[in-house]
N, C-alpha and C. Protein backbone atom coordinates (compact mmCIF):
# COMPACT_ATOMS: atom_id res chain seq x y z
N MET A 1 70.78 84.26 127.37
CA MET A 1 71.75 85.37 127.24
C MET A 1 72.07 85.58 125.76
N SER A 2 71.96 86.83 125.30
CA SER A 2 72.19 87.10 123.88
C SER A 2 73.67 87.16 123.57
N GLY A 3 73.95 87.02 122.29
CA GLY A 3 75.33 87.17 121.83
C GLY A 3 75.65 88.64 121.64
N ILE A 4 76.76 88.90 120.95
CA ILE A 4 77.20 90.28 120.71
C ILE A 4 77.50 90.45 119.23
N LEU A 5 77.20 91.62 118.72
CA LEU A 5 77.49 91.95 117.33
C LEU A 5 78.72 92.85 117.27
N TYR A 6 79.72 92.42 116.53
CA TYR A 6 80.91 93.23 116.27
C TYR A 6 80.84 93.76 114.84
N ALA A 7 80.99 95.05 114.66
CA ALA A 7 81.14 95.64 113.34
C ALA A 7 82.64 95.79 113.11
N VAL A 8 83.17 94.98 112.21
CA VAL A 8 84.62 94.85 112.06
C VAL A 8 85.09 95.50 110.76
N GLY A 9 85.90 96.55 110.88
CA GLY A 9 86.52 97.16 109.72
C GLY A 9 87.71 96.35 109.26
N VAL A 10 87.73 95.98 107.98
CA VAL A 10 88.83 95.16 107.47
C VAL A 10 89.87 95.99 106.71
N GLY A 11 89.70 97.32 106.71
CA GLY A 11 90.65 98.17 106.00
C GLY A 11 90.27 98.33 104.54
N PRO A 12 91.09 99.03 103.77
CA PRO A 12 90.73 99.41 102.41
C PRO A 12 90.95 98.34 101.34
N GLY A 13 91.79 97.36 101.60
CA GLY A 13 92.05 96.38 100.54
C GLY A 13 93.22 95.46 100.82
N ASP A 14 94.30 96.01 101.35
CA ASP A 14 95.49 95.22 101.64
C ASP A 14 95.25 94.40 102.90
N PRO A 15 95.28 93.05 102.81
CA PRO A 15 95.02 92.22 103.99
C PRO A 15 95.99 92.50 105.14
N GLU A 16 97.19 93.01 104.83
CA GLU A 16 98.16 93.29 105.88
C GLU A 16 97.75 94.48 106.75
N LEU A 17 96.75 95.25 106.30
CA LEU A 17 96.27 96.39 107.07
C LEU A 17 95.14 96.01 108.02
N LEU A 18 94.69 94.78 108.00
CA LEU A 18 93.69 94.34 108.97
C LEU A 18 94.34 94.30 110.35
N THR A 19 93.68 94.87 111.35
CA THR A 19 94.31 95.01 112.66
C THR A 19 94.35 93.69 113.42
N LEU A 20 95.23 93.66 114.42
CA LEU A 20 95.31 92.48 115.28
C LEU A 20 94.00 92.23 116.01
N LYS A 21 93.35 93.31 116.45
CA LYS A 21 92.07 93.15 117.14
C LYS A 21 91.02 92.58 116.20
N ALA A 22 90.98 93.09 114.97
CA ALA A 22 90.02 92.57 114.00
C ALA A 22 90.26 91.08 113.77
N ALA A 23 91.52 90.69 113.64
CA ALA A 23 91.86 89.27 113.43
C ALA A 23 91.40 88.43 114.62
N ARG A 24 91.57 88.95 115.82
CA ARG A 24 91.16 88.21 117.02
C ARG A 24 89.64 88.04 117.07
N ILE A 25 88.91 89.10 116.75
CA ILE A 25 87.46 89.04 116.77
C ILE A 25 86.95 88.07 115.70
N LEU A 26 87.51 88.13 114.52
CA LEU A 26 87.09 87.23 113.44
C LEU A 26 87.38 85.77 113.79
N THR A 27 88.52 85.55 114.43
CA THR A 27 88.88 84.19 114.82
C THR A 27 87.92 83.64 115.87
N GLY A 28 87.47 84.49 116.77
CA GLY A 28 86.63 84.04 117.87
C GLY A 28 85.14 84.05 117.59
N ALA A 29 84.71 84.71 116.52
CA ALA A 29 83.28 84.84 116.24
C ALA A 29 82.67 83.50 115.83
N ASP A 30 81.39 83.34 116.16
CA ASP A 30 80.67 82.15 115.72
C ASP A 30 80.22 82.27 114.27
N ILE A 31 79.80 83.49 113.90
CA ILE A 31 79.24 83.73 112.57
C ILE A 31 79.96 84.92 111.95
N ILE A 32 80.28 84.81 110.66
CA ILE A 32 80.82 85.94 109.90
C ILE A 32 79.71 86.44 108.98
N ALA A 33 79.23 87.65 109.22
CA ALA A 33 78.23 88.28 108.34
C ALA A 33 78.98 89.16 107.35
N ALA A 34 78.69 88.98 106.07
CA ALA A 34 79.47 89.68 105.04
C ALA A 34 78.59 90.11 103.88
N PRO A 35 78.78 91.32 103.38
CA PRO A 35 78.05 91.75 102.19
C PRO A 35 78.40 90.85 101.01
N LYS A 36 77.41 90.63 100.16
CA LYS A 36 77.66 89.84 98.96
C LYS A 36 77.48 90.69 97.71
N LYS A 37 78.08 90.24 96.63
CA LYS A 37 77.95 90.92 95.34
C LYS A 37 77.42 89.88 94.36
N GLY A 38 76.14 89.96 94.03
CA GLY A 38 75.53 88.91 93.23
C GLY A 38 75.48 87.63 94.03
N ASN A 39 76.06 86.58 93.48
CA ASN A 39 76.09 85.29 94.17
C ASN A 39 77.41 85.05 94.90
N GLU A 40 78.28 86.04 94.89
CA GLU A 40 79.59 85.90 95.51
C GLU A 40 79.72 86.83 96.71
N LEU A 41 80.54 86.43 97.67
CA LEU A 41 80.83 87.32 98.79
C LEU A 41 81.69 88.48 98.29
N GLY A 42 81.49 89.65 98.85
CA GLY A 42 82.14 90.86 98.35
C GLY A 42 83.58 91.05 98.79
N GLU A 43 84.10 92.25 98.50
CA GLU A 43 85.51 92.56 98.75
C GLU A 43 85.90 92.42 100.21
N ALA A 44 84.98 92.82 101.11
CA ALA A 44 85.31 92.76 102.54
C ALA A 44 85.65 91.33 102.97
N PHE A 45 84.87 90.37 102.49
CA PHE A 45 85.15 88.98 102.85
C PHE A 45 86.47 88.51 102.23
N GLN A 46 86.74 88.91 101.01
CA GLN A 46 87.97 88.48 100.34
C GLN A 46 89.20 88.99 101.10
N ILE A 47 89.12 90.20 101.60
CA ILE A 47 90.22 90.77 102.38
C ILE A 47 90.39 90.00 103.69
N ALA A 48 89.27 89.81 104.39
CA ALA A 48 89.32 89.10 105.67
C ALA A 48 89.81 87.68 105.50
N ASP A 49 89.39 87.04 104.42
CA ASP A 49 89.78 85.65 104.16
C ASP A 49 91.28 85.51 103.96
N LYS A 50 91.89 86.48 103.28
CA LYS A 50 93.34 86.44 103.06
C LYS A 50 94.11 86.69 104.35
N ALA A 51 93.54 87.52 105.22
CA ALA A 51 94.23 87.85 106.47
C ALA A 51 93.99 86.80 107.54
N VAL A 52 92.78 86.24 107.57
CA VAL A 52 92.41 85.26 108.61
C VAL A 52 91.73 84.08 107.92
N PRO A 53 92.50 83.16 107.33
CA PRO A 53 91.91 82.04 106.57
C PRO A 53 90.98 81.16 107.40
N GLU A 54 91.09 81.23 108.73
CA GLU A 54 90.23 80.41 109.59
C GLU A 54 88.74 80.71 109.39
N ILE A 55 88.41 81.89 108.89
CA ILE A 55 86.99 82.23 108.76
C ILE A 55 86.30 81.34 107.73
N ARG A 56 87.06 80.69 106.85
CA ARG A 56 86.43 79.80 105.87
C ARG A 56 85.72 78.63 106.54
N THR A 57 86.15 78.27 107.74
CA THR A 57 85.57 77.12 108.44
C THR A 57 84.32 77.52 109.23
N LYS A 58 84.01 78.79 109.28
CA LYS A 58 82.89 79.27 110.08
C LYS A 58 81.61 79.37 109.26
N GLU A 59 80.50 79.50 109.98
CA GLU A 59 79.24 79.76 109.29
C GLU A 59 79.25 81.18 108.76
N ILE A 60 78.89 81.33 107.47
CA ILE A 60 78.89 82.64 106.83
C ILE A 60 77.45 83.07 106.59
N LEU A 61 77.14 84.30 106.97
CA LEU A 61 75.83 84.88 106.70
C LEU A 61 75.98 85.94 105.60
N PRO A 62 75.63 85.61 104.35
CA PRO A 62 75.73 86.61 103.27
C PRO A 62 74.59 87.62 103.39
N LEU A 63 74.91 88.88 103.21
CA LEU A 63 73.92 89.95 103.30
C LEU A 63 73.88 90.74 102.00
N ASP A 64 72.69 91.03 101.55
CA ASP A 64 72.51 91.72 100.28
C ASP A 64 72.23 93.20 100.53
N PHE A 65 73.17 94.05 100.14
CA PHE A 65 73.00 95.49 100.23
C PHE A 65 73.03 96.06 98.81
N PRO A 66 71.88 96.33 98.21
CA PRO A 66 71.84 96.77 96.82
C PRO A 66 72.53 98.11 96.60
N MET A 67 73.17 98.25 95.44
CA MET A 67 73.80 99.51 95.06
C MET A 67 72.74 100.40 94.42
N THR A 68 72.03 101.14 95.24
CA THR A 68 70.95 101.99 94.76
C THR A 68 70.80 103.18 95.70
N LYS A 69 70.16 104.24 95.20
CA LYS A 69 69.84 105.38 96.04
C LYS A 69 68.37 105.38 96.43
N ASP A 70 67.67 104.31 96.07
CA ASP A 70 66.27 104.17 96.45
C ASP A 70 66.20 103.88 97.95
N GLN A 71 65.75 104.86 98.71
CA GLN A 71 65.78 104.74 100.17
C GLN A 71 64.87 103.63 100.68
N ALA A 72 63.79 103.37 99.98
CA ALA A 72 62.89 102.29 100.40
C ALA A 72 63.57 100.93 100.27
N LEU A 73 64.28 100.73 99.16
CA LEU A 73 64.98 99.46 98.97
C LEU A 73 66.12 99.31 99.96
N LEU A 74 66.83 100.40 100.20
CA LEU A 74 67.94 100.34 101.15
C LEU A 74 67.45 100.04 102.56
N SER A 75 66.37 100.72 102.98
CA SER A 75 65.83 100.50 104.31
C SER A 75 65.36 99.05 104.47
N LYS A 76 64.76 98.51 103.43
CA LYS A 76 64.30 97.11 103.47
C LYS A 76 65.48 96.17 103.64
N ALA A 77 66.56 96.43 102.91
CA ALA A 77 67.76 95.58 103.02
C ALA A 77 68.38 95.66 104.41
N HIS A 78 68.42 96.87 104.95
CA HIS A 78 68.98 97.04 106.30
C HIS A 78 68.12 96.33 107.35
N ASP A 79 66.80 96.43 107.20
CA ASP A 79 65.89 95.76 108.13
C ASP A 79 66.08 94.25 108.07
N GLU A 80 66.17 93.72 106.86
CA GLU A 80 66.31 92.26 106.69
C GLU A 80 67.63 91.77 107.28
N ALA A 81 68.70 92.54 107.06
CA ALA A 81 70.01 92.15 107.61
C ALA A 81 69.97 92.17 109.13
N ALA A 82 69.37 93.22 109.70
CA ALA A 82 69.29 93.33 111.15
C ALA A 82 68.49 92.18 111.74
N GLU A 83 67.38 91.82 111.10
CA GLU A 83 66.54 90.73 111.60
C GLU A 83 67.29 89.40 111.61
N LYS A 84 68.05 89.15 110.55
CA LYS A 84 68.82 87.90 110.48
C LYS A 84 69.87 87.84 111.59
N ILE A 85 70.53 88.97 111.82
CA ILE A 85 71.56 89.02 112.86
C ILE A 85 70.93 88.89 114.25
N GLU A 86 69.78 89.54 114.45
CA GLU A 86 69.11 89.47 115.75
C GLU A 86 68.71 88.03 116.09
N THR A 87 68.30 87.26 115.09
CA THR A 87 67.96 85.85 115.31
C THR A 87 69.15 85.09 115.85
N LEU A 88 70.31 85.36 115.31
CA LEU A 88 71.54 84.69 115.76
C LEU A 88 71.94 85.16 117.16
N LEU A 89 71.77 86.45 117.41
CA LEU A 89 72.13 86.99 118.73
C LEU A 89 71.23 86.41 119.82
N ARG A 90 69.95 86.23 119.50
CA ARG A 90 69.02 85.64 120.48
C ARG A 90 69.43 84.21 120.83
N ALA A 91 70.10 83.56 119.88
CA ALA A 91 70.57 82.18 120.11
C ALA A 91 71.92 82.16 120.83
N GLY A 92 72.41 83.34 121.22
CA GLY A 92 73.66 83.42 121.96
C GLY A 92 74.91 83.42 121.11
N LYS A 93 74.75 83.62 119.79
CA LYS A 93 75.89 83.59 118.88
C LYS A 93 76.63 84.94 118.86
N THR A 94 77.94 84.87 118.67
CA THR A 94 78.75 86.06 118.44
C THR A 94 78.87 86.26 116.94
N VAL A 95 78.46 87.44 116.47
CA VAL A 95 78.44 87.73 115.04
C VAL A 95 79.43 88.84 114.72
N ALA A 96 80.28 88.61 113.72
CA ALA A 96 81.20 89.63 113.23
C ALA A 96 80.71 90.09 111.86
N LEU A 97 80.22 91.31 111.79
CA LEU A 97 79.77 91.91 110.54
C LEU A 97 80.93 92.69 109.95
N ILE A 98 81.46 92.22 108.82
CA ILE A 98 82.67 92.83 108.27
C ILE A 98 82.31 93.89 107.24
N THR A 99 83.16 94.91 107.17
CA THR A 99 82.93 96.02 106.26
C THR A 99 84.26 96.58 105.79
N LEU A 100 84.28 97.12 104.58
CA LEU A 100 85.49 97.78 104.07
C LEU A 100 85.82 99.01 104.92
N GLY A 101 87.11 99.31 105.03
CA GLY A 101 87.54 100.51 105.74
C GLY A 101 87.21 100.45 107.21
N ASP A 102 86.57 101.51 107.71
CA ASP A 102 86.22 101.63 109.12
C ASP A 102 84.70 101.67 109.24
N PRO A 103 84.12 100.94 110.19
CA PRO A 103 82.66 100.88 110.30
C PRO A 103 82.01 102.20 110.68
N ALA A 104 82.78 103.15 111.18
CA ALA A 104 82.21 104.42 111.62
C ALA A 104 82.25 105.49 110.53
N LEU A 105 82.73 105.15 109.34
CA LEU A 105 82.93 106.16 108.30
C LEU A 105 82.25 105.73 107.00
N TYR A 106 81.13 106.36 106.67
CA TYR A 106 80.39 106.09 105.43
C TYR A 106 80.19 104.59 105.21
N SER A 107 79.83 103.87 106.24
CA SER A 107 79.72 102.42 106.14
C SER A 107 78.26 101.98 106.22
N THR A 108 77.85 101.13 105.27
CA THR A 108 76.50 100.58 105.28
C THR A 108 76.22 99.84 106.57
N CYS A 109 77.23 99.19 107.13
CA CYS A 109 77.00 98.37 108.31
C CYS A 109 76.49 99.20 109.49
N SER A 110 76.74 100.50 109.50
CA SER A 110 76.28 101.33 110.60
C SER A 110 74.76 101.40 110.67
N TYR A 111 74.10 101.35 109.51
CA TYR A 111 72.64 101.35 109.51
C TYR A 111 72.12 100.08 110.18
N VAL A 112 72.81 98.97 109.94
CA VAL A 112 72.41 97.69 110.51
C VAL A 112 72.69 97.66 112.01
N THR A 113 73.89 98.08 112.40
CA THR A 113 74.24 98.04 113.82
C THR A 113 73.34 98.97 114.64
N ASP A 114 72.94 100.09 114.06
CA ASP A 114 72.03 101.00 114.76
C ASP A 114 70.70 100.31 115.05
N LYS A 115 70.18 99.61 114.05
CA LYS A 115 68.91 98.91 114.23
C LYS A 115 69.03 97.80 115.27
N VAL A 116 70.13 97.06 115.23
CA VAL A 116 70.35 95.98 116.18
C VAL A 116 70.51 96.55 117.60
N GLY A 117 71.29 97.62 117.72
CA GLY A 117 71.50 98.25 119.01
C GLY A 117 70.23 98.81 119.62
N GLN A 118 69.35 99.36 118.76
CA GLN A 118 68.08 99.91 119.24
C GLN A 118 67.17 98.84 119.83
N LYS A 119 67.41 97.58 119.44
CA LYS A 119 66.62 96.47 119.99
C LYS A 119 67.19 95.98 121.32
N GLY A 120 68.29 96.59 121.76
CA GLY A 120 68.86 96.25 123.06
C GLY A 120 69.98 95.23 123.03
N TYR A 121 70.42 94.84 121.83
CA TYR A 121 71.52 93.88 121.75
C TYR A 121 72.86 94.61 121.85
N PRO A 122 73.86 93.98 122.46
CA PRO A 122 75.17 94.63 122.56
C PRO A 122 75.87 94.71 121.21
N VAL A 123 76.44 95.88 120.93
CA VAL A 123 77.14 96.13 119.67
C VAL A 123 78.48 96.77 119.98
N GLU A 124 79.52 96.33 119.29
CA GLU A 124 80.85 96.93 119.45
C GLU A 124 81.48 97.16 118.09
N TYR A 125 82.09 98.34 117.92
CA TYR A 125 82.81 98.64 116.68
C TYR A 125 84.28 98.26 116.84
N VAL A 126 84.83 97.70 115.77
CA VAL A 126 86.26 97.38 115.72
C VAL A 126 86.86 98.20 114.57
N SER A 127 87.68 99.17 114.92
CA SER A 127 88.20 100.12 113.93
C SER A 127 89.01 99.43 112.84
N GLY A 128 88.90 99.99 111.64
CA GLY A 128 89.72 99.55 110.52
C GLY A 128 90.46 100.75 109.94
N VAL A 129 91.48 100.51 109.15
CA VAL A 129 92.23 101.60 108.52
C VAL A 129 91.35 102.22 107.43
N PRO A 130 91.05 103.53 107.51
CA PRO A 130 90.24 104.18 106.48
C PRO A 130 91.00 104.24 105.15
N SER A 131 90.26 104.21 104.06
CA SER A 131 90.88 104.20 102.74
C SER A 131 91.77 105.41 102.50
N PHE A 132 91.35 106.59 103.00
CA PHE A 132 92.15 107.79 102.71
C PHE A 132 93.47 107.81 103.47
N CYS A 133 93.52 107.14 104.63
CA CYS A 133 94.79 107.04 105.34
C CYS A 133 95.75 106.12 104.58
N ALA A 134 95.21 105.01 104.07
CA ALA A 134 96.04 104.10 103.27
C ALA A 134 96.48 104.78 101.98
N ALA A 135 95.59 105.59 101.39
CA ALA A 135 95.95 106.29 100.15
C ALA A 135 97.03 107.33 100.41
N ALA A 136 96.95 108.03 101.53
CA ALA A 136 97.98 109.01 101.87
C ALA A 136 99.33 108.33 102.04
N ALA A 137 99.33 107.13 102.59
CA ALA A 137 100.57 106.37 102.73
C ALA A 137 101.12 106.00 101.35
N LYS A 138 100.22 105.66 100.44
CA LYS A 138 100.65 105.28 99.09
C LYS A 138 101.37 106.42 98.38
N ILE A 139 100.88 107.65 98.59
CA ILE A 139 101.49 108.79 97.91
C ILE A 139 102.50 109.50 98.81
N ALA A 140 102.77 108.91 100.01
CA ALA A 140 103.76 109.44 100.95
C ALA A 140 103.52 110.92 101.24
N THR A 141 102.27 111.25 101.56
CA THR A 141 101.88 112.62 101.82
C THR A 141 101.11 112.71 103.13
N ALA A 142 101.48 113.64 104.00
CA ALA A 142 100.73 113.87 105.23
C ALA A 142 99.42 114.57 104.89
N LEU A 143 98.34 114.13 105.49
CA LEU A 143 97.05 114.76 105.22
C LEU A 143 96.90 116.09 105.94
N ALA A 144 97.56 116.24 107.08
CA ALA A 144 97.48 117.50 107.81
C ALA A 144 98.75 117.70 108.61
N LEU A 145 99.21 118.94 108.67
CA LEU A 145 100.41 119.31 109.42
C LEU A 145 100.10 120.53 110.28
N GLY A 146 100.71 120.58 111.47
CA GLY A 146 100.56 121.77 112.31
C GLY A 146 99.12 122.12 112.59
N GLU A 147 98.72 123.32 112.20
CA GLU A 147 97.35 123.80 112.44
C GLU A 147 96.47 123.67 111.21
N GLU A 148 96.90 122.92 110.22
CA GLU A 148 96.09 122.73 109.02
C GLU A 148 94.80 121.98 109.35
N SER A 149 93.79 122.22 108.55
CA SER A 149 92.52 121.51 108.69
C SER A 149 92.36 120.52 107.55
N ILE A 150 91.49 119.53 107.77
CA ILE A 150 91.24 118.53 106.75
C ILE A 150 89.74 118.31 106.64
N LEU A 151 89.23 118.27 105.43
CA LEU A 151 87.81 118.03 105.19
C LEU A 151 87.66 116.70 104.47
N VAL A 152 86.86 115.80 105.04
CA VAL A 152 86.55 114.52 104.42
C VAL A 152 85.09 114.55 104.01
N SER A 153 84.80 114.30 102.72
CA SER A 153 83.44 114.47 102.24
C SER A 153 83.15 113.53 101.08
N ASN A 154 81.87 113.43 100.73
CA ASN A 154 81.49 112.79 99.48
C ASN A 154 81.49 113.86 98.39
N PRO A 155 81.45 113.48 97.12
CA PRO A 155 81.58 114.49 96.06
C PRO A 155 80.36 115.38 95.90
N GLU A 156 79.18 114.92 96.37
CA GLU A 156 77.97 115.71 96.18
C GLU A 156 77.95 116.97 97.05
N LYS A 157 78.53 116.88 98.26
CA LYS A 157 78.40 118.00 99.21
C LYS A 157 79.73 118.64 99.56
N VAL A 158 80.78 118.32 98.82
CA VAL A 158 82.09 118.85 99.17
C VAL A 158 82.19 120.34 98.86
N ASP A 159 82.85 121.07 99.75
CA ASP A 159 83.20 122.47 99.51
C ASP A 159 84.67 122.47 99.12
N LEU A 160 84.94 122.69 97.85
CA LEU A 160 86.30 122.58 97.33
C LEU A 160 87.23 123.67 97.85
N PHE A 161 86.67 124.66 98.53
CA PHE A 161 87.51 125.75 99.02
C PHE A 161 87.48 125.84 100.54
N CYS A 162 87.11 124.72 101.18
CA CYS A 162 87.09 124.65 102.63
C CYS A 162 88.11 123.62 103.08
N GLY A 163 89.01 124.01 103.96
CA GLY A 163 90.01 123.07 104.46
C GLY A 163 91.33 123.19 103.72
N ASP A 164 92.41 122.95 104.43
CA ASP A 164 93.73 122.98 103.80
C ASP A 164 93.96 121.73 102.94
N THR A 165 93.42 120.60 103.40
CA THR A 165 93.49 119.36 102.64
C THR A 165 92.08 118.83 102.48
N LEU A 166 91.75 118.41 101.27
CA LEU A 166 90.44 117.83 100.99
C LEU A 166 90.59 116.36 100.67
N VAL A 167 89.72 115.54 101.22
CA VAL A 167 89.62 114.13 100.87
C VAL A 167 88.21 113.92 100.35
N ILE A 168 88.09 113.51 99.10
CA ILE A 168 86.78 113.32 98.48
C ILE A 168 86.61 111.84 98.19
N LEU A 169 85.74 111.19 98.94
CA LEU A 169 85.53 109.76 98.80
C LEU A 169 84.52 109.46 97.69
N LYS A 170 84.67 108.27 97.08
CA LYS A 170 83.74 107.83 96.02
C LYS A 170 83.60 108.90 94.95
N ALA A 171 84.75 109.38 94.50
CA ALA A 171 84.77 110.51 93.57
C ALA A 171 84.68 110.09 92.10
N GLY A 172 84.72 108.78 91.82
CA GLY A 172 84.90 108.29 90.45
C GLY A 172 83.94 108.83 89.42
N LYS A 173 82.66 108.94 89.77
CA LYS A 173 81.66 109.37 88.79
C LYS A 173 81.56 110.89 88.68
N LYS A 174 82.25 111.61 89.54
CA LYS A 174 82.16 113.08 89.57
C LYS A 174 83.47 113.75 89.18
N LEU A 175 84.38 112.99 88.61
CA LEU A 175 85.72 113.54 88.37
C LEU A 175 85.72 114.69 87.37
N ARG A 176 84.92 114.59 86.33
CA ARG A 176 84.89 115.67 85.34
C ARG A 176 84.53 117.00 86.00
N THR A 177 83.49 116.98 86.83
CA THR A 177 83.04 118.19 87.51
C THR A 177 84.08 118.68 88.52
N LEU A 178 84.63 117.75 89.30
CA LEU A 178 85.63 118.13 90.30
C LEU A 178 86.87 118.73 89.65
N LYS A 179 87.32 118.14 88.56
CA LYS A 179 88.50 118.65 87.85
C LYS A 179 88.26 120.06 87.33
N SER A 180 87.06 120.28 86.80
CA SER A 180 86.74 121.60 86.26
C SER A 180 86.79 122.66 87.36
N LYS A 181 86.25 122.33 88.53
CA LYS A 181 86.21 123.28 89.64
C LYS A 181 87.58 123.53 90.25
N LEU A 182 88.46 122.53 90.12
CA LEU A 182 89.80 122.65 90.72
C LEU A 182 90.84 123.20 89.74
N ARG A 183 90.44 123.40 88.50
CA ARG A 183 91.39 123.71 87.43
C ARG A 183 92.30 124.90 87.76
N ASP A 184 91.75 125.95 88.31
CA ASP A 184 92.54 127.16 88.58
C ASP A 184 92.86 127.35 90.06
N SER A 185 92.75 126.28 90.83
CA SER A 185 92.98 126.40 92.27
C SER A 185 94.45 126.43 92.64
N GLY A 186 95.30 125.91 91.76
CA GLY A 186 96.73 125.85 92.06
C GLY A 186 97.09 124.78 93.07
N ARG A 187 96.15 123.90 93.41
CA ARG A 187 96.40 122.89 94.42
C ARG A 187 96.90 121.60 93.78
N ASP A 188 97.58 120.80 94.59
CA ASP A 188 98.13 119.54 94.13
C ASP A 188 97.09 118.45 94.33
N VAL A 189 96.80 117.69 93.28
CA VAL A 189 95.67 116.76 93.31
C VAL A 189 96.13 115.34 92.98
N TYR A 190 95.65 114.38 93.78
CA TYR A 190 95.90 112.96 93.55
C TYR A 190 94.57 112.23 93.44
N LEU A 191 94.56 111.17 92.67
CA LEU A 191 93.43 110.25 92.65
C LEU A 191 93.98 108.85 92.87
N VAL A 192 93.40 108.14 93.85
CA VAL A 192 93.81 106.76 94.12
C VAL A 192 92.59 105.88 93.89
N GLU A 193 92.72 104.96 92.95
CA GLU A 193 91.63 104.06 92.58
C GLU A 193 91.95 102.65 93.07
N ASN A 194 90.98 102.01 93.74
CA ASN A 194 91.14 100.64 94.24
C ASN A 194 92.36 100.51 95.15
N CYS A 195 92.46 101.39 96.13
CA CYS A 195 93.62 101.39 97.03
C CYS A 195 93.80 100.04 97.71
N GLY A 196 94.97 99.44 97.55
CA GLY A 196 95.30 98.18 98.19
C GLY A 196 94.68 96.96 97.55
N MET A 197 93.96 97.16 96.45
CA MET A 197 93.29 96.05 95.77
C MET A 197 93.92 95.79 94.41
N GLN A 198 93.47 94.70 93.79
CA GLN A 198 93.89 94.43 92.42
C GLN A 198 93.41 95.58 91.54
N GLY A 199 94.27 96.05 90.67
CA GLY A 199 93.90 97.16 89.80
C GLY A 199 94.13 98.52 90.42
N GLU A 200 94.86 98.55 91.54
CA GLU A 200 95.17 99.84 92.16
C GLU A 200 95.90 100.74 91.16
N THR A 201 95.43 101.98 91.07
CA THR A 201 96.04 102.96 90.16
C THR A 201 96.12 104.30 90.87
N ILE A 202 97.26 104.96 90.74
CA ILE A 202 97.46 106.26 91.36
C ILE A 202 97.72 107.30 90.27
N TYR A 203 96.96 108.39 90.29
CA TYR A 203 97.13 109.49 89.34
C TYR A 203 97.56 110.73 90.11
N HIS A 204 98.43 111.52 89.50
CA HIS A 204 98.91 112.76 90.13
C HIS A 204 98.82 113.89 89.12
N GLY A 205 98.12 114.94 89.50
CA GLY A 205 97.96 116.09 88.62
C GLY A 205 96.65 116.02 87.84
N LEU A 206 95.95 117.14 87.78
CA LEU A 206 94.66 117.17 87.10
C LEU A 206 94.76 116.70 85.65
N GLU A 207 95.87 117.02 85.00
CA GLU A 207 96.02 116.66 83.59
C GLU A 207 96.12 115.15 83.39
N ASN A 208 96.46 114.41 84.44
CA ASN A 208 96.61 112.96 84.33
C ASN A 208 95.42 112.18 84.89
N ILE A 209 94.53 112.87 85.57
CA ILE A 209 93.37 112.20 86.18
C ILE A 209 92.28 112.05 85.14
N PRO A 210 91.71 110.85 84.98
CA PRO A 210 90.65 110.65 83.99
C PRO A 210 89.36 111.37 84.38
N ASP A 211 88.44 111.42 83.44
CA ASP A 211 87.16 112.08 83.70
C ASP A 211 86.20 111.17 84.46
N GLU A 212 86.52 109.89 84.54
CA GLU A 212 85.68 108.95 85.28
C GLU A 212 86.53 107.78 85.74
N ALA A 213 86.22 107.26 86.92
CA ALA A 213 86.96 106.11 87.47
C ALA A 213 85.99 105.24 88.25
N GLY A 214 86.49 104.16 88.82
CA GLY A 214 85.65 103.20 89.51
C GLY A 214 85.07 103.73 90.81
N TYR A 215 84.15 102.94 91.38
CA TYR A 215 83.44 103.33 92.60
C TYR A 215 84.39 103.57 93.76
N LEU A 216 85.41 102.73 93.92
CA LEU A 216 86.35 102.87 95.04
C LEU A 216 87.52 103.77 94.64
N SER A 217 87.19 105.00 94.36
CA SER A 217 88.20 106.00 93.97
C SER A 217 88.07 107.20 94.91
N LEU A 218 89.21 107.69 95.35
CA LEU A 218 89.18 108.87 96.22
C LEU A 218 90.20 109.89 95.73
N MET A 219 89.85 111.14 95.95
CA MET A 219 90.71 112.26 95.54
C MET A 219 91.28 112.93 96.78
N ILE A 220 92.57 113.23 96.73
CA ILE A 220 93.23 113.99 97.78
C ILE A 220 93.74 115.29 97.18
N VAL A 221 93.29 116.39 97.77
CA VAL A 221 93.67 117.73 97.28
C VAL A 221 94.49 118.39 98.40
N VAL A 222 95.75 118.67 98.09
CA VAL A 222 96.69 119.13 99.11
C VAL A 222 96.78 120.65 99.12
N SER A 223 96.98 121.20 100.32
CA SER A 223 97.11 122.63 100.54
C SER A 223 98.18 123.25 99.66
N LYS A 224 97.90 124.47 99.16
CA LYS A 224 98.89 125.21 98.39
C LYS A 224 100.18 125.42 99.16
N ARG A 225 100.07 125.57 100.48
CA ARG A 225 101.24 125.92 101.30
C ARG A 225 102.32 124.83 101.29
N ARG A 226 101.91 123.61 100.89
CA ARG A 226 102.87 122.53 100.93
C ARG A 226 103.38 122.15 99.54
N ILE A 227 103.00 122.91 98.54
CA ILE A 227 103.50 122.63 97.20
C ILE A 227 104.83 123.35 97.03
N SER A 228 105.89 122.61 96.75
CA SER A 228 107.22 123.21 96.61
C SER A 228 107.51 123.53 95.15
């Protein structure tokens, strides 16, 4: 009998935002699979470790997901991660693959879970708090009210004039361009960098937002109708 793979969202950074269900799954799992950064386990493991210290006593499976747009390298990494997890599942192990934010939203782990699921192994997603929801809480701003619409996008394909509220994820390297396009929009703009993590910084207003920021930076552009 095979084990089960859980894709566990650990939230954006603050360990207190890890859900009770995520904590239960991590506590009960046989193996914790976690992305690594160089020779160290990445941010997702650090968050989970602070919320559920028991995972330190478990077997850890470090996974290497290179920061590249080379599709061949990415596909190879996803295949290798899936194969390692499948070996554990065949042995009847329960594996918790942890990821920042929510596993269903722009998450590398989804490529792995898809491959594992296609082989017939059971897969379950465990929701995590998305970074933009945590960022909205930080700036005490509702993302949508009444009949307003909200667009969540990456910076490459975002339509800056679609939606009452815009959420632009991983905006750090595109800030100069985004600021230029938003300059005359009259909209209220926030940038939240490293939400819930060390070095968290919040900027408000285009004039205060830098031209470049870190990888974990998101922009929230609020509807004109709510600017007082």
